[in-house]
Amino acid sequence: MRSDPQHTSETAGTADGPRAAQVGVVVIGYNDRAHVGDAVRSALAQGPAVSEVVAVDDCSTDGSAELLERLAAGEPRLRVVRRAENSGGCGSPRNAGIDAVTTPYVMFLDSDDVLPPGAVDTLLTAATEAHAEITSGLCVRRELPSGREQPWQAPLYTARTVLARPSQRPRLVHDTLCVNKLYRTDFLREHGIRFPEGRFLYEDIVFTARVLAAGPRVALVPDQVYVWHVRRGAEQLSLSLDREHIDNWKARTEACALAYDILLGAGQKELARAARAKFLDHEVRMYARELGLRDTHYQRAWWTHTQEYLARYDAADWELNPGAPGRLLARVVLESPEPRDLSRLRELAARPARLLPPYARTPDGVPVWSADLPQVTLTPFLTRPAGLLPLTLDAELRPRARASQLRLRLHELYGRVAEAGPREMDVEWQSRDDDRTRGRTTVPLTPSDPESWSAELPVDLAALGAGTWDLRLTVRFADGAEREVTAHALAGDGRLRRRAVPSVRHGVLLVQPYATHSGALAVRVATGVQGALQVARGRLRRLLR
């Protein structure tokens, strides 16, 4: 027996307890036959709290709908909604799901993702206890096939929290996902909250703005409630990962602009301001990291479009946290008629940010971006705590047969580094595959010239083992402050060349130091003859393509 959608949380309990049969999960998909079954099963496996799973097929041609119909034949809680025409996006299928559910609560699930065990119970318990219209939990991005997981917007989900209104936590605008949340169905319907229809990319951003604009009571839980699968090697990238064309950036700015207008129009000025700050810290930095990978036509189009968007910002937008990397990056774009300093902007957009030399000043001593762009000042760095400065630390890895060496050099930044007194640095290598760490050690930092400090240490590449390893560093200062950093990979003179290194443990190591998309040093290691042959075969396949 399904629950009345208008039944309130206070009276929705049954003999089975307050979590019985109150949630509808809307699963949307298009031509994703390989994964949609797993998504549906993960929703059904949530137990009796899930009264129904509504699978909306967006006119697939790969047999997805037929697969869903077969599953539904043996599962009374599963209903299939087949759209007659493909919408080209995610908004229309989700809206169809909102219309179809008959439960007091609804949540959304994409066909290539899954709900972890207990997710619905966790969200529903928090929602009923807090009388919340929206309940949100932690989403993790799981890279496939490696399985490496990264939490999404983790600072929001450190403890159980109840907010009477969203403006009590402006950072809510950073979590624009709709899938890690449980919604009161009647709340969405009473406020007419819908996703943009048709082929509208980044519909989550607009939907989230509409939700927050309605001023719901919000509950936050630190538990993992959603697994977002990231398949970068897929033949067809997801809409959010396919950023190669300028239309993607235009769609993203359109969604962000609409979100701002929605929040401002609802009188949520603080949230609207926070949404603009989030655009600088998240969107601008993410795309700037990749700008050097694009052709000249894309770079110019991106630069011009970004300038047009940033021209809407007022003085108050720029005054908020003026030393933040995203704001500095945006000011360079706004003040420069043509794309420039792309390598330097890429490193500033990294996380953590790195501000590469030169460290210019005006004739009267004001720190500026460069001598030919003095209108972009860097004065906030003169008072910013050392633990928040965009420090640059150069790194060079020299693979050798006996003892590979890592050379590190920390740059001065307008006298602030010397003022804080760099003393030592923690060094470790983190696996890209499973986050395990190796080679952790602490080395002293010694002055190498008036503008830098250096350290050198051996690296046991054989002990690292096969895989991709990122260099992680923590600089410690005399006053007790510390700063986690990644290192700028020095290139040129064959520094990033692949080398075969003899190894007592493995026979041979194939070592490839390289710069990541953000310019940080990482290293790929293949062990043994078989590992080297596997690398060679992979390279041959890429060449044949």
Protein backbone atom coordinates (compact mmCIF):
# COMPACT_ATOMS: atom_id res chain seq x y z
CA MET A 1 0.00 0.00 0.00
CA ARG A 2 1.49 3.31 -1.08
CA SER A 3 1.62 6.37 1.13
CA ASP A 4 -0.57 9.41 0.51
CA PRO A 5 1.77 12.03 -1.04
CA GLN A 6 0.16 14.73 1.09
CA HIS A 7 0.73 12.80 4.34
CA THR A 8 2.99 14.78 6.69
CA SER A 9 6.18 13.45 8.25
CA GLU A 10 4.66 13.65 11.71
CA THR A 11 1.94 11.11 10.83
CA ALA A 12 3.58 9.07 8.09
CA GLY A 13 4.78 6.34 10.44
CA THR A 14 3.28 2.89 10.27
CA ALA A 15 3.54 -0.22 12.36
CA ASP A 16 6.88 -0.78 10.65
CA GLY A 17 8.19 2.56 11.94
CA PRO A 18 8.64 6.03 10.46
CA ARG A 19 10.84 4.76 7.61
CA ALA A 20 8.27 2.43 6.02
CA ALA A 21 7.31 2.99 2.36
CA GLN A 22 7.67 6.75 2.13
CA VAL A 23 10.25 7.30 -0.60
CA GLY A 24 10.07 7.18 -4.38
CA VAL A 25 13.36 6.98 -6.30
CA VAL A 26 13.34 8.42 -9.82
CA VAL A 27 15.93 6.74 -12.05
CA ILE A 28 16.54 8.43 -15.40
CA GLY A 29 18.47 7.02 -18.35
CA TYR A 30 19.10 7.15 -22.06
CA ASN A 31 20.91 4.43 -24.02
CA ASP A 32 22.61 3.15 -20.87
CA ARG A 33 21.58 -0.50 -20.93
CA ALA A 34 24.95 -1.55 -19.47
CA HIS A 35 24.40 0.30 -16.20
CA VAL A 36 20.73 1.17 -15.64
CA GLY A 37 19.96 -2.24 -14.14
CA ASP A 38 22.58 -1.75 -11.43
CA ALA A 39 21.14 1.69 -10.63
CA VAL A 40 17.60 0.33 -10.29
CA ARG A 41 18.73 -2.62 -8.17
CA SER A 42 20.64 -0.29 -5.83
CA ALA A 43 17.43 1.68 -5.30
CA LEU A 44 15.30 -1.40 -4.69
CA ALA A 45 17.91 -2.76 -2.29
CA GLN A 46 17.32 0.21 0.04
CA GLY A 47 14.55 -1.83 1.66
CA PRO A 48 10.99 -1.08 2.78
CA ALA A 49 11.55 2.69 3.01
CA VAL A 50 11.42 2.74 -0.80
CA SER A 51 7.80 2.36 -1.82
CA GLU A 52 8.45 2.73 -5.53
CA VAL A 53 11.20 3.13 -8.09
CA VAL A 54 10.12 5.09 -11.16
CA ALA A 55 12.47 4.41 -14.07
CA VAL A 56 12.09 7.06 -16.77
CA ASP A 57 13.55 5.99 -20.09
CA ASP A 58 14.25 8.95 -22.38
CA CYS A 59 13.38 7.14 -25.63
CA SER A 60 16.42 4.82 -25.66
CA THR A 61 17.31 2.82 -28.76
CA ASP A 62 19.69 0.30 -27.16
CA GLY A 63 17.18 -1.93 -25.41
CA SER A 64 17.27 -0.08 -22.08
CA ALA A 65 13.48 0.25 -21.89
CA GLU A 66 12.94 -3.44 -22.64
CA LEU A 67 15.45 -4.38 -19.93
CA LEU A 68 13.58 -2.18 -17.45
CA GLU A 69 10.25 -3.73 -18.43
CA ARG A 70 11.64 -7.21 -17.76
CA LEU A 71 12.88 -6.10 -14.34
CA ALA A 72 9.50 -4.53 -13.57
CA ALA A 73 7.70 -7.77 -14.43
CA GLY A 74 9.30 -9.39 -11.41
CA GLU A 75 9.37 -6.39 -9.07
CA PRO A 76 6.05 -4.73 -8.10
CA ARG A 77 7.80 -1.65 -6.70
CA LEU A 78 9.34 -0.81 -10.11
CA ARG A 79 7.38 1.24 -12.66
CA VAL A 80 8.71 2.20 -16.09
CA VAL A 81 7.84 5.47 -17.79
CA ARG A 82 8.80 5.53 -21.47
CA ARG A 83 9.08 8.92 -23.11
CA ALA A 84 7.97 9.11 -26.74
CA GLU A 85 10.73 11.53 -27.74
CA ASN A 86 14.28 11.99 -26.50
CA SER A 87 14.62 15.26 -24.61
CA GLY A 88 18.36 15.69 -25.11
CA GLY A 89 18.93 16.39 -21.42
CA CYS A 90 18.20 15.26 -17.87
CA GLY A 91 15.57 17.81 -16.85
CA SER A 92 12.53 16.51 -18.73
CA PRO A 93 12.89 12.88 -17.55
CA ARG A 94 13.28 14.03 -13.95
CA ASN A 95 10.19 16.21 -14.25
CA ALA A 96 8.30 13.19 -15.56
CA GLY A 97 9.47 11.35 -12.46
CA ILE A 98 8.26 14.12 -10.15
CA ASP A 99 4.85 13.90 -11.82
CA ALA A 100 4.75 10.11 -11.52
CA VAL A 101 5.77 9.49 -7.90
CA THR A 102 3.05 8.90 -5.31
CA THR A 103 5.23 9.05 -2.19
CA PRO A 104 5.76 11.78 0.42
CA TYR A 105 9.46 11.95 -0.44
CA VAL A 106 11.39 11.72 -3.69
CA MET A 107 15.03 11.45 -4.66
CA PHE A 108 16.84 11.19 -7.99
CA LEU A 109 19.31 8.64 -9.33
CA ASP A 110 21.15 8.67 -12.67
CA SER A 111 21.35 5.44 -14.65
CA ASP A 112 25.15 5.15 -14.40
CA ASP A 113 25.35 5.75 -10.63
CA VAL A 114 24.24 3.84 -7.52
CA LEU A 115 22.83 4.40 -4.06
CA PRO A 116 25.02 2.88 -1.32
CA PRO A 117 23.32 0.56 1.21
CA GLY A 118 21.35 2.44 3.87
CA ALA A 119 21.30 5.76 2.01
CA VAL A 120 17.51 6.16 1.98
CA ASP A 121 17.08 5.12 5.62
CA THR A 122 19.73 7.65 6.66
CA LEU A 123 18.15 10.51 4.73
CA LEU A 124 14.58 9.64 5.71
CA THR A 125 15.42 9.36 9.42
CA ALA A 126 17.10 12.77 9.37
CA ALA A 127 14.22 14.30 7.38
CA THR A 128 11.49 13.06 9.71
CA GLU A 129 13.38 13.94 12.88
CA ALA A 130 14.15 17.48 11.65
CA HIS A 131 10.83 18.04 9.82
CA ALA A 132 12.99 19.07 6.86
CA GLU A 133 11.75 19.74 3.34
CA ILE A 134 15.23 18.97 1.98
CA THR A 135 17.71 16.49 3.45
CA SER A 136 21.18 16.22 1.96
CA GLY A 137 24.11 13.85 2.47
CA LEU A 138 27.60 13.21 1.22
CA CYS A 139 28.17 12.23 -2.40
CA VAL A 140 31.42 10.58 -3.46
CA ARG A 141 32.87 10.68 -6.96
CA ARG A 142 34.17 7.21 -7.79
CA GLU A 143 36.70 7.10 -10.63
CA LEU A 144 36.31 4.00 -12.76
CA PRO A 145 37.87 1.57 -13.29
CA SER A 146 40.34 2.48 -10.49
CA GLY A 147 37.64 2.82 -7.80
CA ARG A 148 39.34 5.87 -6.28
CA GLU A 149 36.81 7.98 -4.37
CA GLN A 150 36.72 11.70 -3.73
CA PRO A 151 34.05 13.35 -1.53
CA TRP A 152 31.97 16.06 -3.13
CA GLN A 153 31.66 19.30 -1.13
CA ALA A 154 32.84 17.57 2.04
CA PRO A 155 32.95 20.76 4.20
CA LEU A 156 29.15 20.85 4.15
CA TYR A 157 28.87 17.35 5.57
CA THR A 158 31.08 17.19 8.64
CA ALA A 159 28.26 16.81 11.18
CA ARG A 160 24.51 16.43 11.45
CA THR A 161 23.01 19.89 11.07
CA VAL A 162 19.54 21.38 10.82
CA LEU A 163 19.04 24.78 9.20
CA ALA A 164 15.80 26.71 9.55
CA ARG A 165 16.59 28.39 6.22
CA PRO A 166 19.35 28.06 3.59
CA SER A 167 20.77 31.53 4.22
CA GLN A 168 22.16 30.22 7.51
CA ARG A 169 24.71 28.27 5.43
CA PRO A 170 25.48 30.18 2.20
CA ARG A 171 27.92 27.46 1.18
CA LEU A 172 24.88 25.36 0.28
CA VAL A 173 25.05 26.98 -3.17
CA HIS A 174 28.27 24.99 -3.80
CA ASP A 175 26.44 21.66 -3.73
CA THR A 176 24.42 21.94 -6.92
CA LEU A 177 23.81 18.19 -7.25
CA CYS A 178 20.19 17.09 -7.05
CA VAL A 179 20.96 13.41 -6.56
CA ASN A 180 22.35 13.36 -3.01
CA LYS A 181 19.17 14.85 -1.57
CA LEU A 182 15.78 13.71 -0.34
CA TYR A 183 12.93 16.13 -1.14
CA ARG A 184 9.46 16.50 0.29
CA THR A 185 7.35 15.83 -2.78
CA ASP A 186 4.63 18.26 -1.76
CA PHE A 187 7.26 20.96 -1.19
CA LEU A 188 8.41 20.67 -4.81
CA ARG A 189 4.85 20.63 -6.13
CA GLU A 190 3.52 23.48 -3.98
CA HIS A 191 6.37 25.77 -5.06
CA GLY A 192 6.28 24.63 -8.68
CA ILE A 193 9.93 23.60 -8.53
CA ARG A 194 10.94 21.90 -11.77
CA PHE A 195 14.03 21.21 -13.83
CA PRO A 196 14.58 23.15 -17.06
CA GLU A 197 13.05 21.20 -19.92
CA GLY A 198 14.75 19.85 -23.05
CA ARG A 199 18.44 20.00 -23.84
CA PHE A 200 19.51 22.25 -20.99
CA LEU A 201 22.95 21.34 -19.65
CA TYR A 202 23.67 21.80 -15.95
CA GLU A 203 19.99 21.65 -15.08
CA ASP A 204 21.02 20.74 -11.50
CA ILE A 205 22.37 24.26 -10.97
CA VAL A 206 19.03 25.86 -11.87
CA PHE A 207 16.96 23.30 -9.96
CA THR A 208 19.06 23.77 -6.81
CA ALA A 209 18.64 27.55 -7.04
CA ARG A 210 14.87 27.14 -7.26
CA VAL A 211 14.90 24.87 -4.23
CA LEU A 212 17.01 27.24 -2.13
CA ALA A 213 15.00 30.26 -3.28
CA ALA A 214 11.88 28.70 -1.74
CA GLY A 215 13.55 28.81 1.70
CA PRO A 216 13.19 25.18 2.83
CA ARG A 217 14.11 23.78 6.20
CA VAL A 218 17.30 21.80 5.53
CA ALA A 219 18.89 18.81 7.25
CA LEU A 220 22.49 17.78 6.51
CA VAL A 221 24.01 14.39 7.34
CA PRO A 222 27.70 13.38 7.14
CA ASP A 223 26.86 9.89 5.84
CA GLN A 224 27.60 8.76 2.29
CA VAL A 225 24.28 8.65 0.41
CA TYR A 226 25.24 8.68 -3.28
CA VAL A 227 27.98 7.23 -5.50
CA TRP A 228 28.69 9.29 -8.62
CA HIS A 229 30.52 7.14 -11.16
CA VAL A 230 33.08 9.00 -13.28
CA ARG A 231 33.95 7.11 -16.46
CA ARG A 232 36.49 9.29 -18.26
CA GLY A 233 37.41 6.48 -20.65
CA ALA A 234 33.85 5.99 -21.88
CA GLU A 235 33.16 6.36 -25.60
CA GLN A 236 30.42 8.87 -24.79
CA LEU A 237 31.34 11.21 -21.94
CA SER A 238 28.67 12.38 -19.53
CA LEU A 239 27.33 15.87 -20.20
CA SER A 240 29.29 17.35 -17.29
CA LEU A 241 32.61 15.82 -18.39
CA ASP A 242 32.34 16.76 -22.08
CA ARG A 243 33.96 20.20 -21.80
CA GLU A 244 35.91 20.18 -25.05
CA HIS A 245 33.61 22.58 -26.95
CA ILE A 246 32.86 26.22 -26.14
CA ASP A 247 29.11 25.55 -26.14
CA ASN A 248 29.62 23.62 -22.91
CA TRP A 249 31.09 26.71 -21.21
CA LYS A 250 28.29 28.89 -22.56
CA ALA A 251 25.73 26.44 -21.20
CA ARG A 252 27.41 26.48 -17.81
CA THR A 253 27.47 30.27 -17.58
CA GLU A 254 23.84 30.39 -18.71
CA ALA A 255 22.86 28.06 -15.87
CA CYS A 256 24.88 30.04 -13.32
CA ALA A 257 23.40 33.34 -14.49
CA LEU A 258 19.87 31.95 -14.24
CA ALA A 259 20.60 30.58 -10.75
CA TYR A 260 21.79 34.00 -9.61
CA ASP A 261 18.68 35.69 -11.01
CA ILE A 262 16.41 33.14 -9.31
CA LEU A 263 18.02 33.65 -5.91
CA LEU A 264 18.11 37.42 -6.21
CA GLY A 265 14.51 37.55 -7.44
CA ALA A 266 13.43 35.58 -4.37
CA GLY A 267 15.12 38.09 -2.06
CA GLN A 268 17.93 35.66 -1.18
CA LYS A 269 20.66 38.28 -1.62
CA GLU A 270 23.25 36.52 0.51
CA LEU A 271 22.79 33.26 -1.38
CA ALA A 272 22.89 35.09 -4.72
CA ARG A 273 26.19 36.71 -3.74
CA ALA A 274 27.52 33.34 -2.62
CA ALA A 275 26.52 31.83 -5.99
CA ARG A 276 28.61 34.42 -7.80
CA ALA A 277 31.56 33.71 -5.52
CA LYS A 278 31.15 29.99 -6.18
CA PHE A 279 31.30 30.64 -9.94
CA LEU A 280 34.76 32.19 -9.51
CA ASP A 281 36.05 29.55 -7.13
CA HIS A 282 34.67 26.50 -8.94
CA GLU A 283 33.65 27.09 -12.55
CA VAL A 284 36.33 29.59 -13.57
CA ARG A 285 39.13 27.61 -11.91
CA MET A 286 38.00 24.29 -13.38
CA TYR A 287 37.89 25.54 -16.97
CA ALA A 288 41.04 27.67 -16.62
CA ARG A 289 43.01 24.55 -15.66
CA GLU A 290 42.08 23.05 -19.02
CA LEU A 291 42.44 26.19 -21.15
CA GLY A 292 45.95 25.36 -22.29
CA LEU A 293 44.69 22.06 -23.73
CA ARG A 294 42.33 23.84 -26.15
CA ASP A 295 43.05 25.39 -29.55
CA THR A 296 43.45 29.12 -30.14
CA HIS A 297 39.88 29.53 -31.38
CA TYR A 298 38.45 27.99 -28.19
CA GLN A 299 40.76 30.03 -25.97
CA ARG A 300 39.69 33.33 -27.53
CA ALA A 301 36.01 32.40 -27.47
CA TRP A 302 36.26 31.32 -23.81
CA TRP A 303 38.11 34.51 -22.87
CA THR A 304 35.58 36.78 -24.59
CA HIS A 305 32.54 34.98 -23.20
CA THR A 306 33.99 34.95 -19.68
CA GLN A 307 34.69 38.70 -19.90
CA GLU A 308 31.08 39.32 -20.90
CA TYR A 309 29.84 37.27 -17.96
CA LEU A 310 32.17 38.87 -15.40
CA ALA A 311 31.16 42.35 -16.56
CA ARG A 312 27.88 41.74 -14.67
CA TYR A 313 29.70 41.60 -11.32
CA ASP A 314 29.49 44.70 -9.12
CA ALA A 315 31.96 46.11 -6.61
CA ALA A 316 30.51 44.09 -3.73
CA ASP A 317 31.08 40.85 -5.67
CA TRP A 318 34.79 41.62 -6.00
CA GLU A 319 35.23 42.78 -2.40
CA LEU A 320 34.27 39.40 -0.94
CA ASN A 321 37.48 37.47 -0.15
CA PRO A 322 39.65 39.46 -2.60
CA GLY A 323 42.70 37.22 -2.15
CA ALA A 324 40.92 34.07 -3.31
CA PRO A 325 42.62 32.49 -6.36
CA GLY A 326 39.43 32.44 -8.42
CA ARG A 327 38.94 36.18 -7.97
CA LEU A 328 42.52 36.94 -8.97
CA LEU A 329 42.23 34.70 -12.00
CA ALA A 330 38.97 36.36 -13.03
CA ARG A 331 40.47 39.83 -12.70
CA VAL A 332 43.28 38.89 -15.07
CA VAL A 333 40.71 37.71 -17.61
CA LEU A 334 38.58 40.81 -17.17
CA GLU A 335 41.48 43.25 -17.55
CA SER A 336 43.18 41.57 -20.54
CA PRO A 337 41.81 41.96 -24.09
CA GLU A 338 43.39 38.70 -25.27
CA PRO A 339 44.22 35.35 -23.66
CA ARG A 340 47.52 35.57 -21.81
CA ASP A 341 49.65 33.85 -19.20
CA LEU A 342 47.76 30.59 -19.64
CA SER A 343 50.41 28.46 -17.95
CA ARG A 344 50.48 30.79 -14.96
CA LEU A 345 46.69 30.88 -14.77
CA ARG A 346 46.57 27.09 -14.94
CA GLU A 347 48.75 26.82 -11.83
CA LEU A 348 46.77 29.51 -10.00
CA ALA A 349 43.61 27.50 -10.75
CA ALA A 350 45.13 24.36 -9.21
CA ARG A 351 44.04 23.05 -5.81
CA PRO A 352 45.92 24.14 -3.79
CA ALA A 353 46.68 27.25 -5.84
CA ARG A 354 50.22 28.09 -6.94
CA LEU A 355 51.24 31.61 -8.00
CA LEU A 356 54.28 31.27 -10.24
CA PRO A 357 56.87 34.02 -10.73
CA PRO A 358 57.39 36.77 -11.71
CA TYR A 359 56.40 38.62 -8.56
CA ALA A 360 56.16 42.15 -9.94
CA ARG A 361 55.70 45.45 -8.12
CA THR A 362 54.78 48.94 -9.24
CA PRO A 363 57.42 51.69 -8.85
CA ASP A 364 55.91 52.53 -5.46
CA GLY A 365 56.13 48.92 -4.30
CA VAL A 366 52.56 47.64 -4.77
CA PRO A 367 52.46 43.89 -5.65
CA VAL A 368 50.84 43.36 -9.05
CA TRP A 369 50.18 40.49 -11.48
CA SER A 370 52.82 41.73 -13.92
CA ALA A 371 54.54 44.92 -15.01
CA ASP A 372 52.24 45.24 -18.01
CA LEU A 373 49.07 44.49 -16.00
CA PRO A 374 49.46 46.70 -12.91
CA GLN A 375 45.71 47.18 -12.51
CA VAL A 376 45.48 43.64 -11.14
CA THR A 377 46.93 44.13 -7.67
CA LEU A 378 48.03 41.40 -5.26
CA THR A 379 47.90 43.44 -2.07
CA PRO A 380 45.64 40.92 -0.24
CA PHE A 381 48.65 38.59 -0.11
CA LEU A 382 50.48 41.07 2.14
CA THR A 383 48.06 40.30 4.99
CA ARG A 384 46.81 36.80 4.12
CA PRO A 385 47.94 34.11 6.65
CA ALA A 386 50.91 32.06 5.49
CA GLY A 387 48.77 28.93 5.62
CA LEU A 388 46.52 30.38 2.89
CA LEU A 389 49.12 31.81 0.52
CA PRO A 390 49.36 30.42 -3.07
CA LEU A 391 52.92 29.19 -2.55
CA THR A 392 54.96 27.89 -5.46
CA LEU A 393 57.34 25.04 -4.96
CA ASP A 394 59.29 23.70 -7.95
CA ALA A 395 60.03 19.99 -8.15
CA GLU A 396 62.32 17.87 -10.28
CA LEU A 397 62.49 14.08 -10.08
CA ARG A 398 65.68 12.47 -11.37
CA PRO A 399 65.23 8.70 -11.80
CA ARG A 400 68.55 6.86 -11.38
CA ALA A 401 69.73 3.28 -11.11
CA ARG A 402 71.08 3.59 -7.57
CA ALA A 403 69.15 6.37 -5.85
CA SER A 404 66.59 8.55 -7.58
CA GLN A 405 66.61 12.15 -6.36
CA LEU A 406 63.82 14.66 -5.74
CA ARG A 407 64.83 18.32 -5.79
CA LEU A 408 62.49 20.93 -4.29
CA ARG A 409 62.64 24.72 -4.31
CA LEU A 410 60.24 27.00 -2.43
CA HIS A 411 59.82 30.54 -3.81
CA GLU A 412 59.51 33.74 -1.84
CA LEU A 413 56.22 35.65 -2.20
CA TYR A 414 56.58 39.37 -1.54
CA GLY A 415 58.50 38.75 1.67
CA ARG A 416 55.71 36.76 3.30
CA VAL A 417 57.50 33.40 3.21
CA ALA A 418 60.61 34.75 4.94
CA GLU A 419 58.38 36.50 7.46
CA ALA A 420 56.70 33.20 8.38
CA GLY A 421 60.06 31.36 8.50
CA PRO A 422 59.90 28.10 6.51
CA ARG A 423 61.56 25.35 8.55
CA GLU A 424 60.76 21.94 7.10
CA MET A 425 58.56 20.06 4.71
CA ASP A 426 56.63 16.79 4.88
CA VAL A 427 56.95 14.80 1.66
CA GLU A 428 54.85 11.84 0.56
CA TRP A 429 53.62 10.11 -2.60
CA GLN A 430 49.90 9.37 -2.94
CA SER A 431 48.56 6.65 -5.21
CA ARG A 432 46.15 7.85 -7.88
CA ASP A 433 44.43 4.45 -7.78
CA ASP A 434 43.55 3.95 -4.12
CA ASP A 435 44.86 6.94 -2.10
CA ARG A 436 47.48 4.88 -0.24
CA THR A 437 50.66 6.81 0.56
CA ARG A 438 54.31 5.83 0.43
CA GLY A 439 57.69 7.36 1.18
CA ARG A 440 56.52 9.78 3.87
CA THR A 441 59.43 11.75 5.30
CA THR A 442 60.29 15.20 6.65
CA VAL A 443 63.17 17.25 5.27
CA PRO A 444 64.62 20.60 6.39
CA LEU A 445 64.31 23.66 4.16
CA THR A 446 67.53 25.63 3.77
CA PRO A 447 68.00 29.04 2.12
CA SER A 448 69.44 28.62 -1.37
CA ASP A 449 69.39 32.34 -2.27
CA PRO A 450 67.61 35.47 -0.98
CA GLU A 451 64.40 34.48 -2.76
CA SER A 452 64.10 30.73 -2.21
CA TRP A 453 64.59 27.71 0.04
CA SER A 454 65.48 24.23 -1.12
CA ALA A 455 65.60 20.56 -0.14
CA GLU A 456 66.82 17.37 -1.77
CA LEU A 457 65.99 13.80 -0.84
CA PRO A 458 66.22 10.26 -2.23
CA VAL A 459 63.12 8.52 -3.63
CA ASP A 460 62.78 4.74 -3.59
CA LEU A 461 60.77 4.28 -6.80
CA ALA A 462 60.82 0.50 -6.44
CA ALA A 463 59.07 0.80 -3.07
CA LEU A 464 56.36 2.96 -4.62
CA GLY A 465 55.44 0.15 -6.97
CA ALA A 466 53.34 0.18 -10.12
CA GLY A 467 50.82 2.94 -10.65
CA THR A 468 50.48 6.69 -10.84
CA TRP A 469 51.75 8.70 -7.88
CA ASP A 470 51.07 12.34 -6.98
CA LEU A 471 53.58 14.30 -4.94
CA ARG A 472 52.01 15.80 -1.78
CA LEU A 473 53.86 18.33 0.37
CA THR A 474 53.25 20.26 3.58
CA VAL A 475 55.41 23.30 4.35
CA ARG A 476 55.84 24.01 8.07
CA PHE A 477 56.73 27.47 9.38
CA ALA A 478 58.44 28.73 12.53
CA ASP A 479 55.23 30.25 13.89
CA GLY A 480 53.46 26.88 13.78
CA ALA A 481 51.54 27.57 10.57
CA GLU A 482 51.56 25.01 7.78
CA ARG A 483 50.50 24.93 4.15
CA GLU A 484 49.62 21.87 2.10
CA VAL A 485 50.91 22.27 -1.45
CA THR A 486 51.53 20.41 -4.66
CA ALA A 487 54.71 21.08 -6.61
CA HIS A 488 55.14 22.75 -9.98
CA ALA A 489 56.77 20.23 -12.32
CA LEU A 490 59.89 21.65 -13.92
CA ALA A 491 60.01 20.84 -17.63
CA GLY A 492 62.65 21.20 -20.34
CA ASP A 493 66.10 19.64 -20.75
CA GLY A 494 64.57 16.16 -20.76
CA ARG A 495 63.36 16.44 -17.16
CA LEU A 496 60.01 14.75 -17.93
CA ARG A 497 61.39 12.04 -20.20
CA ARG A 498 60.44 8.39 -19.68
CA ARG A 499 63.38 6.33 -18.39
CA ALA A 500 64.12 2.65 -17.86
CA VAL A 501 65.85 2.18 -14.50
CA PRO A 502 67.45 -1.10 -13.30
CA SER A 503 65.86 -2.46 -10.11
CA VAL A 504 67.00 -5.21 -7.75
CA ARG A 505 63.40 -5.82 -6.66
CA HIS A 506 61.66 -5.72 -10.06
CA GLY A 507 64.45 -6.18 -12.60
CA VAL A 508 63.50 -2.97 -14.37
CA LEU A 509 61.35 0.08 -13.70
CA LEU A 510 59.81 2.23 -16.41
CA VAL A 511 59.55 5.70 -14.86
CA GLN A 512 57.68 8.65 -16.37
CA PRO A 513 57.71 11.95 -14.43
CA TYR A 514 55.04 14.26 -15.87
CA ALA A 515 53.04 17.43 -15.28
CA THR A 516 49.32 17.02 -14.56
CA HIS A 517 46.70 19.23 -16.24
CA SER A 518 47.24 21.74 -13.44
CA GLY A 519 51.05 21.60 -13.79
CA ALA A 520 51.79 19.52 -10.67
CA LEU A 521 54.48 16.86 -10.56
CA ALA A 522 53.35 13.24 -10.71
CA VAL A 523 55.08 10.04 -11.77
CA ARG A 524 53.95 6.85 -13.51
CA VAL A 525 55.81 3.67 -12.59
CA ALA A 526 55.65 0.35 -14.44
CA THR A 527 57.40 -2.58 -12.76
CA GLY A 528 59.15 -5.50 -14.37
CA VAL A 529 59.41 -6.57 -17.99
CA GLN A 530 55.67 -7.29 -18.20
CA GLY A 531 54.84 -3.82 -16.91
CA ALA A 532 57.17 -2.22 -19.45
CA LEU A 533 55.65 -4.30 -22.26
CA GLN A 534 52.15 -3.28 -21.19
CA VAL A 535 53.15 0.40 -21.42
CA ALA A 536 54.67 -0.19 -24.85
CA ARG A 537 51.53 -1.94 -26.10
CA GLY A 538 49.34 0.89 -24.81
CA ARG A 539 51.48 3.47 -26.56
CA LEU A 540 51.31 1.48 -29.80
CA ARG A 541 47.51 1.32 -29.61
CA ARG A 542 47.32 5.08 -29.17
CA LEU A 543 49.61 5.64 -32.15
CA LEU A 544 47.52 3.33 -34.35
CA ARG A 545 44.38 5.31 -33.54
